[in-house]
């Protein structure tokens, strides 16, 4: 079995994260992303995005309350909030 490259691994990333690939393809993508430092930022971003979507679907806040308050305070200070 020839290892897959970055382009193929990233094209299949969301299918991989959602468990939609065949067992063999899942293993190929997993093997690539486990070893490829170049793909790591994209994998991390996709994972965080997917997790945020799941939290939103469950009605959970997307960021901590303290961060939300700090951003609102900064916007008020800049005159950007109603």
N, C-alpha and C. Protein backbone atom coordinates (compact mmCIF):
# COMPACT_ATOMS: atom_id res chain seq x y z
N UNK A 1 0.85 -1.18 0.00
CA UNK A 1 0.00 0.00 0.00
C UNK A 1 0.89 1.24 0.00
N UNK A 2 0.71 2.11 -1.01
CA UNK A 2 1.48 3.34 -1.12
C UNK A 2 0.90 4.39 -0.18
N UNK A 3 1.76 5.02 0.62
CA UNK A 3 1.24 6.07 1.52
C UNK A 3 0.62 7.21 0.73
N UNK A 4 -0.41 7.81 1.29
CA UNK A 4 -1.05 8.95 0.64
C UNK A 4 -0.26 10.21 0.96
N UNK A 5 -0.41 11.22 0.11
CA UNK A 5 0.27 12.49 0.32
C UNK A 5 -0.62 13.50 1.02
N UNK A 6 -0.07 14.66 1.23
CA UNK A 6 -0.78 15.73 1.94
C UNK A 6 -2.08 16.11 1.24
N UNK A 7 -2.03 16.28 -0.07
CA UNK A 7 -3.21 16.73 -0.79
C UNK A 7 -4.38 15.76 -0.58
N UNK A 8 -4.13 14.47 -0.75
CA UNK A 8 -5.21 13.50 -0.58
C UNK A 8 -5.68 13.43 0.87
N UNK A 9 -4.74 13.45 1.80
CA UNK A 9 -5.12 13.40 3.22
C UNK A 9 -6.01 14.57 3.59
N UNK A 10 -5.65 15.77 3.12
CA UNK A 10 -6.44 16.96 3.46
C UNK A 10 -7.78 16.99 2.73
N UNK A 11 -7.82 16.45 1.52
CA UNK A 11 -9.10 16.36 0.80
C UNK A 11 -10.07 15.44 1.53
N UNK A 12 -9.56 14.46 2.23
CA UNK A 12 -10.41 13.48 2.91
C UNK A 12 -10.55 13.77 4.42
N UNK A 13 -9.99 14.87 4.86
CA UNK A 13 -9.92 15.16 6.29
C UNK A 13 -11.28 15.19 6.97
N UNK A 14 -12.25 15.90 6.41
CA UNK A 14 -13.55 15.99 7.07
C UNK A 14 -14.28 14.66 7.04
N UNK A 15 -14.12 13.92 5.97
CA UNK A 15 -14.71 12.58 5.92
C UNK A 15 -14.06 11.70 7.00
N UNK A 16 -12.76 11.86 7.16
CA UNK A 16 -12.04 11.12 8.20
C UNK A 16 -12.57 11.48 9.59
N UNK A 17 -12.66 12.77 9.86
CA UNK A 17 -13.12 13.22 11.18
C UNK A 17 -14.55 12.80 11.46
N UNK A 18 -15.37 12.69 10.42
CA UNK A 18 -16.76 12.30 10.58
C UNK A 18 -16.98 10.79 10.52
N UNK A 19 -15.90 10.01 10.36
CA UNK A 19 -16.01 8.56 10.32
C UNK A 19 -16.70 8.03 9.08
N UNK A 20 -16.55 8.72 7.95
CA UNK A 20 -17.26 8.35 6.73
C UNK A 20 -16.40 7.57 5.73
N UNK A 21 -15.17 7.25 6.08
CA UNK A 21 -14.28 6.55 5.16
C UNK A 21 -14.28 5.05 5.44
N UNK A 22 -13.84 4.30 4.46
CA UNK A 22 -13.68 2.86 4.66
C UNK A 22 -12.58 2.64 5.69
N UNK A 23 -12.55 1.49 6.32
CA UNK A 23 -11.49 1.23 7.31
C UNK A 23 -10.08 1.39 6.72
N UNK A 24 -9.85 0.92 5.50
CA UNK A 24 -8.52 1.04 4.90
C UNK A 24 -8.15 2.50 4.65
N UNK A 25 -9.08 3.28 4.12
CA UNK A 25 -8.80 4.68 3.85
C UNK A 25 -8.64 5.45 5.15
N UNK A 26 -9.43 5.12 6.14
CA UNK A 26 -9.29 5.74 7.46
C UNK A 26 -7.89 5.53 7.98
N UNK A 27 -7.39 4.32 7.87
CA UNK A 27 -6.05 4.01 8.35
C UNK A 27 -4.99 4.78 7.56
N UNK A 28 -5.16 4.91 6.25
CA UNK A 28 -4.21 5.67 5.43
C UNK A 28 -4.16 7.13 5.85
N UNK A 29 -5.32 7.74 6.03
CA UNK A 29 -5.38 9.14 6.43
C UNK A 29 -4.82 9.30 7.84
N UNK A 30 -5.20 8.42 8.75
CA UNK A 30 -4.70 8.49 10.13
C UNK A 30 -3.18 8.39 10.15
N UNK A 31 -2.64 7.47 9.41
CA UNK A 31 -1.19 7.27 9.37
C UNK A 31 -0.51 8.55 8.85
N UNK A 32 -1.08 9.14 7.82
CA UNK A 32 -0.47 10.36 7.27
C UNK A 32 -0.52 11.50 8.28
N UNK A 33 -1.68 11.77 8.83
CA UNK A 33 -1.79 12.94 9.72
C UNK A 33 -1.04 12.73 11.03
N UNK A 34 -0.83 11.48 11.43
CA UNK A 34 -0.04 11.22 12.64
C UNK A 34 1.43 11.56 12.43
N UNK A 35 1.90 11.46 11.18
CA UNK A 35 3.32 11.63 10.90
C UNK A 35 3.69 12.94 10.22
N UNK A 36 2.71 13.68 9.71
CA UNK A 36 3.01 14.85 8.87
C UNK A 36 2.88 16.15 9.65
N UNK A 37 4.00 16.75 9.94
CA UNK A 37 3.99 18.04 10.65
C UNK A 37 3.40 19.13 9.77
N UNK A 38 3.53 19.01 8.45
CA UNK A 38 2.99 20.01 7.55
C UNK A 38 1.47 20.07 7.55
N UNK A 39 0.83 18.94 7.79
CA UNK A 39 -0.63 18.88 7.81
C UNK A 39 -1.21 19.21 9.19
N UNK A 40 -0.37 19.21 10.20
CA UNK A 40 -0.87 19.38 11.57
C UNK A 40 -1.73 20.64 11.75
N UNK A 41 -1.30 21.83 11.27
CA UNK A 41 -2.14 23.02 11.48
C UNK A 41 -3.53 22.87 10.87
N UNK A 42 -3.62 22.29 9.69
CA UNK A 42 -4.92 22.10 9.04
C UNK A 42 -5.78 21.10 9.80
N UNK A 43 -5.16 20.03 10.28
CA UNK A 43 -5.88 19.01 11.05
C UNK A 43 -6.40 19.62 12.34
N UNK A 44 -5.57 20.38 13.02
CA UNK A 44 -5.98 21.01 14.27
C UNK A 44 -7.12 21.99 14.04
N UNK A 45 -7.01 22.82 13.01
CA UNK A 45 -8.05 23.78 12.68
C UNK A 45 -9.36 23.08 12.36
N UNK A 46 -9.30 22.05 11.54
CA UNK A 46 -10.51 21.31 11.17
C UNK A 46 -11.15 20.65 12.38
N UNK A 47 -10.32 20.12 13.26
CA UNK A 47 -10.83 19.46 14.47
C UNK A 47 -11.51 20.48 15.39
N UNK A 48 -10.88 21.63 15.57
CA UNK A 48 -11.46 22.67 16.42
C UNK A 48 -12.76 23.21 15.81
N UNK A 49 -12.78 23.39 14.49
CA UNK A 49 -13.98 23.86 13.81
C UNK A 49 -15.13 22.86 13.99
N UNK A 50 -14.83 21.61 13.78
CA UNK A 50 -15.84 20.55 13.93
C UNK A 50 -16.36 20.50 15.37
N UNK A 51 -15.45 20.60 16.33
CA UNK A 51 -15.86 20.60 17.74
C UNK A 51 -16.74 21.81 18.07
N UNK A 52 -16.42 22.98 17.51
CA UNK A 52 -17.23 24.18 17.74
C UNK A 52 -18.62 24.01 17.15
N UNK A 53 -18.70 23.40 15.97
CA UNK A 53 -20.02 23.13 15.38
C UNK A 53 -20.84 22.20 16.25
N UNK A 54 -20.20 21.18 16.80
CA UNK A 54 -20.91 20.25 17.67
C UNK A 54 -21.41 20.97 18.93
N UNK A 55 -20.55 21.81 19.52
CA UNK A 55 -20.96 22.55 20.72
C UNK A 55 -22.13 23.47 20.40
N UNK A 56 -22.06 24.15 19.25
CA UNK A 56 -23.14 25.06 18.85
C UNK A 56 -24.44 24.28 18.65
N UNK A 57 -24.35 23.12 18.04
CA UNK A 57 -25.55 22.30 17.81
C UNK A 57 -26.17 21.85 19.12
N UNK A 58 -25.35 21.71 20.14
CA UNK A 58 -25.84 21.29 21.45
C UNK A 58 -26.24 22.48 22.32
N UNK A 59 -26.10 23.68 21.77
CA UNK A 59 -26.46 24.88 22.52
C UNK A 59 -25.42 25.29 23.54
N UNK A 60 -24.23 24.77 23.44
CA UNK A 60 -23.16 25.13 24.37
C UNK A 60 -22.46 26.39 23.87
N UNK A 61 -21.97 27.20 24.78
CA UNK A 61 -21.29 28.43 24.36
C UNK A 61 -20.03 28.10 23.57
N UNK A 62 -19.73 28.97 22.60
CA UNK A 62 -18.56 28.74 21.76
C UNK A 62 -17.28 29.30 22.37
N UNK A 63 -17.41 30.14 23.37
CA UNK A 63 -16.22 30.63 24.05
C UNK A 63 -16.57 30.84 25.53
N UNK A 64 -15.56 30.87 26.36
CA UNK A 64 -15.80 31.08 27.80
C UNK A 64 -16.45 32.43 28.07
N UNK A 65 -17.25 32.49 29.12
CA UNK A 65 -17.93 33.74 29.48
C UNK A 65 -16.95 34.88 29.74
N UNK A 66 -15.81 34.58 30.36
CA UNK A 66 -14.82 35.62 30.64
C UNK A 66 -14.31 36.25 29.34
N UNK A 67 -14.08 35.44 28.34
CA UNK A 67 -13.63 35.96 27.05
C UNK A 67 -14.73 36.79 26.40
N UNK A 68 -15.95 36.31 26.47
CA UNK A 68 -17.09 37.04 25.90
C UNK A 68 -17.21 38.42 26.56
N UNK A 69 -17.08 38.48 27.89
CA UNK A 69 -17.16 39.76 28.60
C UNK A 69 -16.02 40.70 28.21
N UNK A 70 -14.81 40.14 28.09
CA UNK A 70 -13.65 40.95 27.73
C UNK A 70 -13.81 41.55 26.33
N UNK A 71 -14.28 40.77 25.38
CA UNK A 71 -14.49 41.28 24.03
C UNK A 71 -15.57 42.35 24.02
N UNK A 72 -16.65 42.13 24.75
CA UNK A 72 -17.72 43.13 24.83
C UNK A 72 -17.19 44.42 25.44
N UNK A 73 -16.37 44.31 26.47
CA UNK A 73 -15.78 45.48 27.11
C UNK A 73 -14.88 46.23 26.13
N UNK A 74 -14.07 45.52 25.39
CA UNK A 74 -13.18 46.15 24.40
C UNK A 74 -13.99 46.85 23.31
N UNK A 75 -15.08 46.24 22.88
CA UNK A 75 -15.93 46.86 21.87
C UNK A 75 -16.58 48.13 22.39
N UNK A 76 -17.04 48.08 23.65
CA UNK A 76 -17.63 49.29 24.26
C UNK A 76 -16.60 50.42 24.34
N UNK A 77 -15.38 50.08 24.72
CA UNK A 77 -14.32 51.08 24.84
C UNK A 77 -14.00 51.72 23.49
N UNK A 78 -14.14 50.96 22.44
CA UNK A 78 -13.87 51.46 21.09
C UNK A 78 -15.10 52.12 20.48
N UNK A 79 -16.23 52.08 21.19
CA UNK A 79 -17.46 52.67 20.68
C UNK A 79 -18.09 51.85 19.56
N UNK A 80 -17.80 50.55 19.55
CA UNK A 80 -18.31 49.69 18.49
C UNK A 80 -19.52 48.88 18.91
N UNK A 81 -19.95 49.02 20.14
CA UNK A 81 -21.08 48.22 20.60
C UNK A 81 -22.28 49.12 20.86
N UNK A 82 -23.45 48.57 20.68
CA UNK A 82 -24.68 49.35 20.89
C UNK A 82 -25.00 49.48 22.34
